[in-house]
Protein backbone atom coordinates (compact mmCIF):
# COMPACT_ATOMS: atom_id res chain seq x y z
CA MET A 1 -34.82 2.37 34.95
CA THR A 2 -32.78 -0.14 36.14
CA SER A 3 -29.02 -0.85 36.75
CA ASP A 4 -28.24 -3.39 34.24
CA SER A 5 -30.06 -1.29 31.31
CA LEU A 6 -26.77 1.05 31.64
CA PRO A 7 -24.27 -0.54 29.78
CA ALA A 8 -26.40 -1.05 26.77
CA ILE A 9 -26.91 2.75 27.02
CA GLY A 10 -22.92 3.17 27.11
CA GLN A 11 -22.97 0.71 23.84
CA ASP A 12 -25.31 2.71 21.90
CA ARG A 13 -23.87 5.59 22.94
CA ARG A 14 -20.24 4.93 21.58
CA SER A 15 -21.76 3.07 18.19
CA TYR A 16 -23.50 6.79 17.95
CA GLY A 17 -19.94 8.36 18.47
CA GLY A 18 -18.45 6.19 15.92
CA LEU A 19 -20.91 6.51 13.30
CA ALA A 20 -20.98 10.42 13.77
CA HIS A 21 -16.97 10.40 13.58
CA PHE A 22 -17.66 8.03 10.05
CA MET A 23 -20.14 10.99 9.00
CA THR A 24 -17.98 13.90 9.64
CA SER A 25 -15.19 12.16 8.05
CA MET A 26 -17.36 11.56 4.70
CA ALA A 27 -18.37 15.15 5.06
CA LYS A 28 -14.74 16.21 5.42
CA GLN A 29 -14.31 14.13 1.86
CA ALA A 30 -16.46 16.52 -0.13
CA LYS A 31 -14.24 19.03 -1.13
CA TRP A 32 -15.11 22.58 -1.67
CA PRO A 33 -12.12 23.70 -4.23
CA GLU A 34 -12.64 20.02 -6.25
CA ALA A 35 -16.72 21.30 -6.24
CA ILE A 36 -15.36 24.62 -7.75
CA LEU A 37 -13.25 22.77 -10.22
CA ILE A 38 -16.19 20.36 -11.10
CA THR A 39 -18.50 23.11 -11.69
CA VAL A 40 -16.59 25.34 -13.42
CA ALA A 41 -15.39 22.49 -15.92
CA LEU A 42 -19.46 21.19 -16.41
CA TRP A 43 -20.42 25.36 -16.80
CA LEU A 44 -17.93 26.11 -19.45
CA PHE A 45 -18.62 23.01 -21.51
CA VAL A 46 -22.41 24.12 -21.15
CA LEU A 47 -21.21 27.30 -22.51
CA LEU A 48 -19.41 25.82 -25.23
CA ILE A 49 -22.19 23.91 -26.30
CA PHE A 50 -24.73 26.62 -25.89
CA LEU A 51 -22.55 29.40 -27.92
CA PRO A 52 -23.75 28.72 -31.21
CA LEU A 53 -27.42 29.19 -29.85
CA ILE A 54 -26.45 32.22 -28.02
CA ILE A 55 -24.96 34.22 -31.06
CA ASP A 56 -27.55 33.04 -33.32
CA ARG A 57 -29.88 34.49 -31.07
CA HIS A 58 -27.85 37.95 -31.07
CA SER A 59 -27.10 37.80 -34.89
CA GLY A 60 -26.48 41.78 -35.71
CA GLU A 61 -26.55 43.04 -32.53
CA GLY A 62 -22.74 43.15 -32.16
CA TRP A 63 -20.27 41.16 -29.93
CA THR A 64 -21.46 42.71 -26.77
CA SER A 65 -24.76 41.21 -26.38
CA VAL A 66 -22.57 37.74 -27.09
CA ALA A 67 -21.02 38.39 -23.80
CA LEU A 68 -23.30 39.64 -21.63
CA ASP A 69 -25.43 36.41 -22.40
CA ALA A 70 -22.04 34.30 -21.97
CA SER A 71 -21.25 35.91 -18.91
CA THR A 72 -24.29 34.61 -16.71
CA VAL A 73 -22.45 31.21 -16.42
CA ILE A 74 -20.44 32.61 -13.91
CA VAL A 75 -24.12 33.69 -12.08
CA SER A 76 -24.42 29.79 -12.81
CA MET A 77 -21.29 28.82 -11.20
CA LEU A 78 -21.89 30.79 -7.95
CA PHE A 79 -25.52 29.40 -8.02
CA ALA A 80 -24.06 25.89 -7.61
CA MET A 81 -22.11 26.50 -4.49
CA PRO A 82 -24.90 26.24 -2.12
CA MET A 83 -26.35 23.57 -3.86
CA PHE A 84 -22.93 22.02 -2.79
CA ALA A 85 -23.29 23.57 0.85
CA VAL A 86 -26.58 21.60 0.52
CA PHE A 87 -24.69 18.19 -0.34
CA ARG A 88 -22.17 18.36 1.90
CA ARG A 89 -24.42 19.36 4.82
CA THR A 90 -26.57 15.97 4.09
CA VAL A 91 -23.93 13.45 3.43
CA TYR A 92 -24.89 11.62 6.61
CA TRP A 93 -28.74 12.28 6.45
CA PRO A 94 -30.92 9.32 5.28
CA GLN A 95 -30.57 7.67 1.40
CA GLY A 96 -34.15 8.39 0.93
CA LYS A 97 -34.76 11.56 2.78
CA ARG A 98 -31.56 13.21 1.11
CA THR A 99 -31.97 12.26 -2.48
CA LEU A 100 -35.78 13.95 -2.15
CA VAL A 101 -33.57 17.19 -0.56
CA LEU A 102 -30.66 17.33 -2.99
CA ILE A 103 -33.57 16.89 -5.87
CA ALA A 104 -35.33 20.09 -4.50
CA ALA A 105 -32.00 21.37 -3.93
CA VAL A 106 -31.78 21.06 -7.83
CA ILE A 107 -34.92 22.29 -8.64
CA ALA A 108 -34.61 25.77 -6.20
CA THR A 109 -31.56 26.51 -8.09
CA ALA A 110 -32.99 26.04 -11.25
CA ILE A 111 -35.73 28.78 -10.51
CA ALA A 112 -33.29 30.75 -9.42
CA ASN A 113 -31.12 30.75 -12.16
CA THR A 114 -34.32 31.24 -14.55
CA LEU A 115 -35.82 34.18 -12.48
CA PHE A 116 -32.31 35.35 -12.45
CA ASP A 117 -31.94 35.52 -16.25
CA LEU A 118 -35.16 37.46 -16.59
CA VAL A 119 -34.09 39.86 -14.23
CA PHE A 120 -30.91 40.40 -15.58
CA GLN A 121 -32.65 40.51 -19.44
CA ARG A 122 -34.63 43.56 -18.62
CA LEU A 123 -31.90 45.16 -16.89
CA VAL A 124 -29.70 44.56 -20.20
CA ALA A 125 -32.44 45.56 -21.95
CA GLU A 126 -32.72 49.06 -20.12
CA HIS A 127 -29.94 50.21 -19.44
CA VAL A 128 -27.15 49.03 -22.08
CA GLU A 129 -28.42 47.18 -25.21
CA ALA A 130 -32.20 47.79 -26.29
CA ALA A 131 -32.00 44.88 -28.61
CA TRP A 132 -32.77 43.12 -25.60
CA ALA A 133 -36.13 44.24 -25.22
CA THR A 134 -37.33 42.18 -28.07
CA LEU A 135 -35.98 38.59 -26.15
CA PRO A 136 -38.49 36.50 -25.05
CA ARG A 137 -39.55 37.84 -20.71
CA ASP A 138 -42.91 35.26 -20.41
CA LEU A 139 -43.39 31.57 -19.20
CA GLY A 140 -42.68 30.82 -23.12
CA ARG A 141 -38.79 31.52 -22.56
CA ALA A 142 -38.81 31.01 -18.45
CA TYR A 143 -40.07 27.10 -19.04
CA PRO A 144 -37.36 26.04 -21.42
CA SER A 145 -34.53 27.69 -19.59
CA ALA A 146 -35.57 26.25 -16.30
CA LEU A 147 -35.79 22.57 -17.59
CA ASN A 148 -32.32 23.16 -18.99
CA TYR A 149 -31.18 24.36 -15.74
CA VAL A 150 -32.72 21.25 -14.09
CA LEU A 151 -30.78 19.36 -16.58
CA VAL A 152 -27.55 20.89 -16.06
CA PHE A 153 -27.88 21.20 -12.34
CA GLY A 154 -28.31 17.69 -11.83
CA VAL A 155 -25.80 16.83 -13.77
CA ASN A 156 -23.62 19.27 -11.24
CA MET A 157 -25.28 17.23 -8.24
CA ALA A 158 -24.43 14.07 -9.61
CA LEU A 159 -20.78 14.90 -10.47
CA PHE A 160 -20.34 16.01 -6.71
CA GLN A 161 -21.43 12.42 -5.63
CA VAL A 162 -19.48 10.92 -8.27
CA ASN A 163 -16.31 12.48 -6.87
CA LEU A 164 -17.66 11.83 -3.24
CA ALA A 165 -17.74 8.31 -3.86
CA ARG A 166 -14.72 8.13 -5.63
CA ARG A 167 -12.33 10.22 -2.95
CA THR A 168 -14.23 8.10 -0.35
CA SER A 169 -13.20 4.38 -2.21
CA LEU A 170 -9.52 5.19 -2.56
CA ILE A 171 -9.44 6.49 0.91
CA GLN A 172 -11.09 2.99 2.15
CA GLU A 173 -8.67 1.26 -0.61
CA LEU A 174 -5.61 3.66 0.73
CA LYS A 175 -6.85 2.48 4.21
CA LEU A 176 -6.56 -1.80 3.51
CA SER A 177 -3.39 -1.21 1.63
CA HIS A 178 -2.11 0.51 5.16
CA ALA A 179 -3.68 -2.51 7.28
CA ARG A 180 -2.58 -5.02 4.72
CA SER A 181 1.40 -3.76 5.20
CA ALA A 182 0.94 -3.13 8.78
CA ALA A 183 -0.14 -6.86 9.00
CA GLN A 184 2.17 -8.73 6.83
CA GLN A 185 5.17 -6.49 8.40
CA ALA A 186 4.23 -8.21 11.97
CA GLN A 187 3.72 -11.64 9.98
CA LEU A 188 7.11 -10.94 9.17
CA ALA A 189 8.21 -9.31 12.20
CA ALA A 190 7.30 -12.67 14.18
CA LEU A 191 9.08 -15.13 11.45
CA ARG A 192 11.83 -12.89 11.71
CA TYR A 193 12.56 -13.24 15.50
CA GLN A 194 11.44 -17.12 15.86
CA LEU A 195 14.50 -17.61 14.57
CA ASN A 196 16.81 -15.70 17.15
CA PRO A 197 15.85 -17.79 19.76
CA HIS A 198 16.43 -20.88 17.57
CA PHE A 199 19.70 -19.60 16.70
CA LEU A 200 20.49 -18.58 20.00
CA PHE A 201 20.06 -22.04 21.60
CA ASN A 202 21.77 -23.79 19.12
CA ALA A 203 25.10 -21.04 19.78
CA LEU A 204 24.69 -21.40 23.75
CA ASN A 205 24.47 -25.60 23.44
CA SER A 206 27.72 -25.14 21.70
CA ILE A 207 29.40 -22.77 24.01
CA SER A 208 27.69 -24.98 26.57
CA ALA A 209 29.88 -27.93 24.76
CA LEU A 210 33.00 -25.87 25.21
CA ILE A 211 33.30 -25.30 28.18
CA VAL A 212 32.26 -29.00 29.24
CA THR A 213 35.06 -30.09 27.30
CA ARG A 214 37.36 -27.28 28.89
CA ARG A 215 37.57 -25.82 25.70
CA ASN A 216 37.32 -22.36 27.33
CA GLU A 217 39.20 -20.04 25.38
CA ASP A 218 37.13 -21.28 21.97
CA ALA A 219 34.23 -20.88 24.53
CA GLU A 220 34.83 -17.30 25.37
CA ARG A 221 36.03 -16.35 22.01
CA MET A 222 32.66 -17.79 20.64
CA THR A 223 30.45 -15.91 23.54
CA GLU A 224 32.16 -12.68 21.71
CA LYS A 225 31.12 -13.39 18.14
CA LEU A 226 27.95 -14.40 20.07
CA SER A 227 27.34 -11.01 20.89
CA SER A 228 28.61 -9.01 18.37
CA PHE A 229 26.15 -11.23 15.67
CA LEU A 230 23.13 -11.13 17.54
CA ARG A 231 23.87 -7.23 18.08
CA THR A 232 23.93 -7.01 14.26
CA SER A 233 21.10 -9.32 13.78
CA LEU A 234 18.28 -8.05 16.45
CA ASN A 235 19.18 -4.37 14.95
CA ALA A 236 17.73 -4.87 12.05
CA ASP A 237 14.67 -4.45 10.59
CA PRO A 238 12.72 -7.64 10.12
CA GLY A 239 10.65 -6.25 6.88
CA GLU A 240 14.38 -4.26 5.44
CA LEU A 241 15.63 -5.33 2.40
CA VAL A 242 19.44 -5.30 2.35
CA PRO A 243 21.84 -5.67 -0.34
CA LEU A 244 23.17 -9.41 -0.79
CA GLU A 245 26.80 -8.56 0.07
CA ASP A 246 25.61 -7.42 3.59
CA GLU A 247 23.54 -10.25 3.96
CA LEU A 248 26.47 -12.09 3.27
CA ALA A 249 28.54 -10.35 5.60
CA LEU A 250 26.40 -11.27 8.44
CA THR A 251 26.26 -14.57 7.29
CA GLU A 252 29.87 -14.64 7.74
CA GLU A 253 29.82 -13.47 11.33
CA TYR A 254 27.96 -16.75 11.73
CA LEU A 255 30.24 -19.10 10.25
CA GLU A 256 33.01 -17.38 12.39
CA ILE A 257 30.68 -18.69 15.37
CA GLU A 258 30.13 -22.00 14.10
CA SER A 259 34.71 -22.40 13.25
CA VAL A 260 35.29 -21.80 16.89
CA ARG A 261 32.98 -24.61 17.51
CA PHE A 262 34.33 -27.15 15.05
CA GLY A 263 37.58 -26.15 13.87
CA ASP A 264 38.86 -27.80 10.77
CA ARG A 265 36.23 -29.80 10.02
CA LEU A 266 34.08 -26.92 8.68
CA GLU A 267 35.22 -25.44 5.41
CA VAL A 268 33.12 -22.32 3.85
CA ALA A 269 33.77 -21.01 0.13
CA VAL A 270 31.30 -17.87 -0.93
CA SER A 271 30.95 -16.72 -4.37
CA CYS A 272 28.83 -14.16 -5.36
CA ALA A 273 28.24 -12.85 -8.94
CA PRO A 274 28.80 -8.53 -9.18
CA GLN A 275 25.03 -8.34 -10.57
CA ALA A 276 24.06 -10.18 -7.29
CA CYS A 277 25.85 -8.72 -4.48
CA GLY A 278 23.96 -5.26 -4.72
CA ALA A 279 20.67 -7.28 -4.85
CA LEU A 280 18.01 -6.68 -2.57
CA VAL A 281 16.93 -9.59 0.03
CA PRO A 282 15.07 -9.55 3.01
CA SER A 283 17.59 -9.63 6.02
CA PHE A 284 18.43 -12.65 7.87
CA LEU A 285 17.35 -14.66 5.18
CA VAL A 286 20.42 -16.79 4.14
CA GLN A 287 21.82 -17.87 7.70
CA PRO A 288 18.94 -20.16 8.23
CA LEU A 289 20.17 -22.35 5.24
CA VAL A 290 23.66 -22.29 6.19
CA GLU A 291 22.48 -23.18 10.24
CA ASN A 292 20.59 -26.19 8.52
CA ALA A 293 23.36 -27.12 6.39
CA ILE A 294 25.62 -27.29 9.70
CA LYS A 295 23.27 -29.30 11.56
CA HIS A 296 22.96 -31.92 8.98
CA GLY A 297 26.34 -31.78 7.27
CA VAL A 298 29.35 -30.57 9.76
CA ALA A 299 27.57 -31.27 13.29
CA ARG A 300 26.65 -35.51 11.49
CA SER A 301 30.47 -35.87 10.48
CA ARG A 302 34.25 -36.18 12.14
CA ASP A 303 35.55 -35.39 8.53
CA THR A 304 35.68 -32.33 6.67
CA VAL A 305 32.53 -30.78 5.52
CA SER A 306 32.53 -28.16 2.93
CA ILE A 307 29.54 -25.78 2.58
CA SER A 308 29.51 -23.42 -0.30
CA ILE A 309 27.68 -20.28 -0.72
CA GLU A 310 26.92 -19.39 -4.23
CA ALA A 311 24.91 -16.24 -5.52
CA HIS A 312 24.41 -15.42 -9.55
CA ALA A 313 21.45 -13.51 -11.27
CA GLU A 314 19.37 -15.44 -14.32
CA ASP A 315 16.55 -14.28 -16.29
CA GLY A 316 15.79 -11.26 -14.21
CA LYS A 317 15.95 -13.68 -10.95
CA LEU A 318 18.15 -13.67 -7.65
CA ARG A 319 19.50 -17.34 -7.37
CA ILE A 320 21.07 -18.38 -3.78
CA ASP A 321 22.69 -22.02 -3.71
CA VAL A 322 23.75 -22.90 -0.07
CA GLU A 323 25.24 -26.38 -0.86
CA ASN A 324 26.91 -28.82 2.11
CA CYS A 325 28.21 -32.40 1.19
CA LEU A 326 26.77 -35.20 3.00
CA PRO A 327 29.13 -37.28 5.35
CA ALA A 328 30.60 -40.39 3.87
CA GLY A 329 28.28 -43.28 4.02
CA ALA A 330 25.34 -40.99 5.40
CA GLU A 331 21.64 -41.68 4.67
CA GLU A 332 19.15 -38.99 4.06
CA PRO A 333 17.48 -38.25 7.50
CA ARG A 334 13.75 -39.16 7.53
CA GLY A 335 10.63 -37.24 9.01
CA ALA A 336 11.27 -34.37 11.37
CA ASP A 337 15.28 -34.90 11.45
CA ARG A 338 15.03 -34.54 7.40
CA PRO A 339 16.94 -30.78 6.37
CA ARG A 340 13.69 -29.46 4.53
CA SER A 341 11.82 -30.01 7.28
CA GLY A 342 13.74 -27.40 9.89
CA VAL A 343 12.09 -24.64 11.63
CA GLY A 344 14.45 -22.13 10.08
CA LEU A 345 13.49 -23.23 6.49
CA LYS A 346 9.86 -23.36 7.19
CA ASN A 347 10.42 -19.72 8.40
CA VAL A 348 12.16 -18.86 4.84
CA ARG A 349 9.38 -20.02 2.93
CA ARG A 350 6.94 -18.07 5.14
CA ARG A 351 8.79 -14.83 4.28
CA LEU A 352 9.19 -15.19 0.83
CA GLU A 353 5.93 -16.19 0.42
CA ALA A 354 4.82 -13.04 3.11
CA LEU A 355 6.82 -10.61 0.44
CA TYR A 356 6.65 -12.30 -3.10
CA GLY A 357 3.79 -14.33 -3.35
CA ASN A 358 4.70 -17.05 -6.21
CA ALA A 359 7.21 -15.01 -7.56
CA ALA A 360 10.05 -16.37 -5.01
CA GLY A 361 10.51 -19.90 -3.26
CA LEU A 362 12.97 -22.16 -1.19
CA THR A 363 13.46 -25.64 -2.54
CA ALA A 364 15.83 -27.83 -0.61
CA GLU A 365 16.92 -31.49 -2.21
CA ALA A 366 20.17 -34.15 -2.08
CA ARG A 367 22.15 -33.98 -5.20
CA ASP A 368 24.85 -36.86 -5.37
CA ASN A 369 26.79 -36.66 -2.31
CA SER A 370 25.79 -33.31 -1.29
CA TYR A 371 22.74 -31.39 -0.11
CA VAL A 372 21.47 -27.75 -1.51
CA ALA A 373 19.17 -25.63 -0.38
CA THR A 374 17.97 -23.13 -3.13
CA ILE A 375 16.37 -19.46 -3.04
CA THR A 376 14.89 -17.75 -6.09
CA LEU A 377 13.40 -14.25 -5.88
CA PRO A 378 13.18 -11.42 -8.21
CA LEU A 379 16.28 -9.54 -8.76
CA SER A 380 15.86 -5.72 -7.82
CA SER A 381 19.27 -4.11 -7.30
CA VAL A 382 20.17 -0.48 -5.67
CA ARG A 383 23.02 -0.45 -7.72
CA VAL A 384 23.39 1.45 -11.29
CA ASP A 385 25.29 0.18 -13.61
CA SER A 386 27.50 2.89 -15.22
């Protein structure tokens, strides 16, 4: 044996191990309690169908004979259990071989049940009910009985397979759902944490500008507010939904940082309708819009620029508008400087799409002497109206 063949052997062993694990997992999905319930339900249904024939067969003999004949259904249920053991044992076998084994198990179980019926009939006739001696005990009865048992046990085996397939499908769907959820959470986390370096760069740049212009007290105050803001925002779960009022409170912390930088040049108005304040939104959703408004509004003007944040509910949707007035005589920026093309807005769009699909969106457009960014998303609330 050459040494370069060893990795292939190791790989084959790993593949076999993975296959064995999968097959063992499949076998575990064939549950005994469910098999018992399926079997009991099936045979009680069969008893219900054959009960008129049993009553007619023992006409004039009394209910004891009917009860004894009907009681054999319990034995049939017990016969089905070894059959399920074979079914469970052969889950990982090749399909063709397994099918032959299961058919053989059905036929063998049917024959065993038929033989039991013949023996049981003789015992009852000799020790309990003499009238049973008149019932046929030859192949004339054994053949149709065995055929009926083959059909019913065959249905029993088919139900085992249907239940296994159903359970396997549900588990696979659950695993796929968990995988998709994990992938979505990873995507949201990546998008969410892209915002922090972007914001941090702008904030540190502002602090640097304050230091250069010898506004040391403002720089110190802005540094403290930045530390508090980052501590709060970084602790937030990127996939968590938070009440809008909490999101607006975080945004106001950010605005306090920027107010140190711009002073009287920045005016802010926040309005949140009562039915909107308790609405659930992704964390860190509004701040990028406000940052965008400051970058393209306040930072470009020497005059006072107002930024308004309004939130209200309409037609089952939550609407959040972030509007900033444009500097006098300013033209709408082009290319990469356009407000709607910033990193923050792109991330907000992607997060909304990941969470809500087409049910949510972000638009940004110029209106007269202002620029408006609007978020719409499904309205869901943590509050219960009294």
